[in-house]
Amino acid sequence: MNKFILELSLICICLFSVSAYALPNFNDNEDAEVLAKKITDAMTDEELLSQIFMFGWKKEEPNQLLFDWIEKRGLGNIKIFGWNTKDSIRLAKAINLLQEKSINGRFGIPLLVATDQEGGLVRHVKGLATHTTGNLALGASSLPFDAYWSGYYISMELKALGINLNFAPAVDLYTNYDSSVIGIRSFGESSEATARLAVAFMKGAKDAGLLSTAKHFPGHGDTEHDSHGRLPVIDADKTILLNREFVPFQALIEGGIPAIMTAHINYSSLSENGEPATFSRYILKNILREKLGFKGIIITDDIMMAGAINYAKGLAFAVQKAIEAGNNIVESSRTPFLNEEVWLHNITLMKNDETFYLAVKDSATRLITLKLKYFKSKNHVPIFADIENIPKNVPNKDGQKFFVGMAARSVTVVRGMKEPCPDSNKEKILIASNTQSCLKYGKVRFKHARTCNLADALSNVQYANTIIFCLEDNYSLTVLQSLLATYPNKRFIVISAMSPVFLKKNLAVNDVIAIYSDSPFSFMTAFSCIAGDFVAKGKMPLHDIK
């Protein structure tokens, strides 16, 4: 009997010990901040560091390496790029598999699944997703109503695929007309208008259940250089940045934006040592956190970009500098091998440098707190996408109806258009463009028109009385200038698609409209405007374009 009691006591002690040291779990019913701290206290160095990484993958199917990162190290976040999204069903299935692997991990933590779906030019999620008009068109409509519903419907499509974090809105100002990377991704030149539209976009996304990200802090608009290929430098002084670039970020912070993305750009008045904002503790801590009051998570732009790697002298050091500066997620467009230098360098640093260890742990705690609050809220993207219902939800049917009206509200008469262009056998019309959507919708609205690409425009112009010409890049500008010089007496109607900056070339054209995108909705409404079906009321969002 005594032996039985002794054995039972030992069993009870063992069970109590196991219970006492049971790992905290994401699904435990505790305050988010308390539970997040318990989880990170129980994490290994490897799990802490992996939690703050965000990796993408090549091709459509995620490779075994990405699954290994999740299963063996507890990777915290993934990024969806355009090359992953040709097949929407396949994409959602892949995300579900990755999420399943993640929540079966030691702490049951789901992944943040991010993408860039700004609308318009930058839309990484293709497949079934709607090709919307984009930010500069929203700037032309100038209605927060349009920005709200754009954010909402874009987010509803992402939600159906299992994507819960959108790297939008982009609030870079279009202050440099030679910008090669921002351009029509901007809402326009006005910081106040950008703030209004961006906050509305964010609110629409939030109501759809998505997390938004303001980018690229402190602002990418005032440079003609692309940080993918080099480190741009912006020389604006602090006062200009405060009263111009910071305005939309401040409005979004006050509106509760959960994430902000940093820019691989040097701001000489803020970073005197030449470092990009991504590596500047002064910019991220003193300005973003303390001066602007941001409480959310800070995410790097793709750390693989030359603007980051070249300055840091390698990827491993770029990751280190980003973490030390105060970034909470380090985003990479590829999945590094498990034991390459980027991992070995930073995990070794964690074990040998307490300050670096605490920076990683603080970021992991902040990130898991966000995940707990978000995934346990009443309005969030389900961890697993409903695969069977994706064709019903993507494209969003109500959204497509909205985007037709939104595109119409953005159409801007830059000059002329006093007389509509009639569609009749008597009016010989030529539609010239290298964009198939332009030719397609031009032919739908003007059934008697002839269409051609720009290479054949010169040989076709003599056929027509009226030429509807699509201006969208330097090549089309050159062709248009040649046509105007050769046929000065014909009527030209120019559709300025994409950026309207080419209209600064003093073109001798009486009739010009701007649509700011190559979305099918934009071309559909452009030709309706030219035909006189409605009066365009969009306003040019760039001050010097007339």
Foldseek 3Di string as FASTA:
>chain_A
DVVVVVVVVVVVVVVVVCVVPQQAALPDPDALLVSLLSNLVPDDLLQLLQQQEEEEAAAQARDVQLLCSCQVRNRAEYEQFLRNAQALLSLLVRLQVSQVSNCPHRHRFGHQYEYEPQAFPGHSHDHLAARFQAQCLCLQLLDLVLLLLVLQLNLLLCLLSQHAEYADDEAAEQPDVLAPPCFLSHNFHANVSSLSSRLSSQNSNVVQAHAYEYDAPLHDNHDNDDQLEAAAEDADAPVCSVVGSCSSVLSVQVSPRQEYEYDLYHYCNQDVVRGGCLLALCCVPVPVCPVSPHDHAYEYDACNGHSQCVVLVHSLSSVQSNLLSQHLHYYHHHRDGPDDPNVVVLSVCLVVPVSSVVSSSVSSSRVSSVSSCSVPDPRHRDNRRPSVCSVVVRNNPVSVVSSLVSLLQSKFWLADLPDAQAQDLVFEEEEEAPQPLLVVLLCVLRVRYHYDYLVCCVVCVVRGQEYEYEDEDPVSLVSLVVVCVVCVPGAYAYEDEAHLPSQVPVDPHRTYMYRNRSRSSNSNSVNCVSRPVDPHDTDNSYDPHD
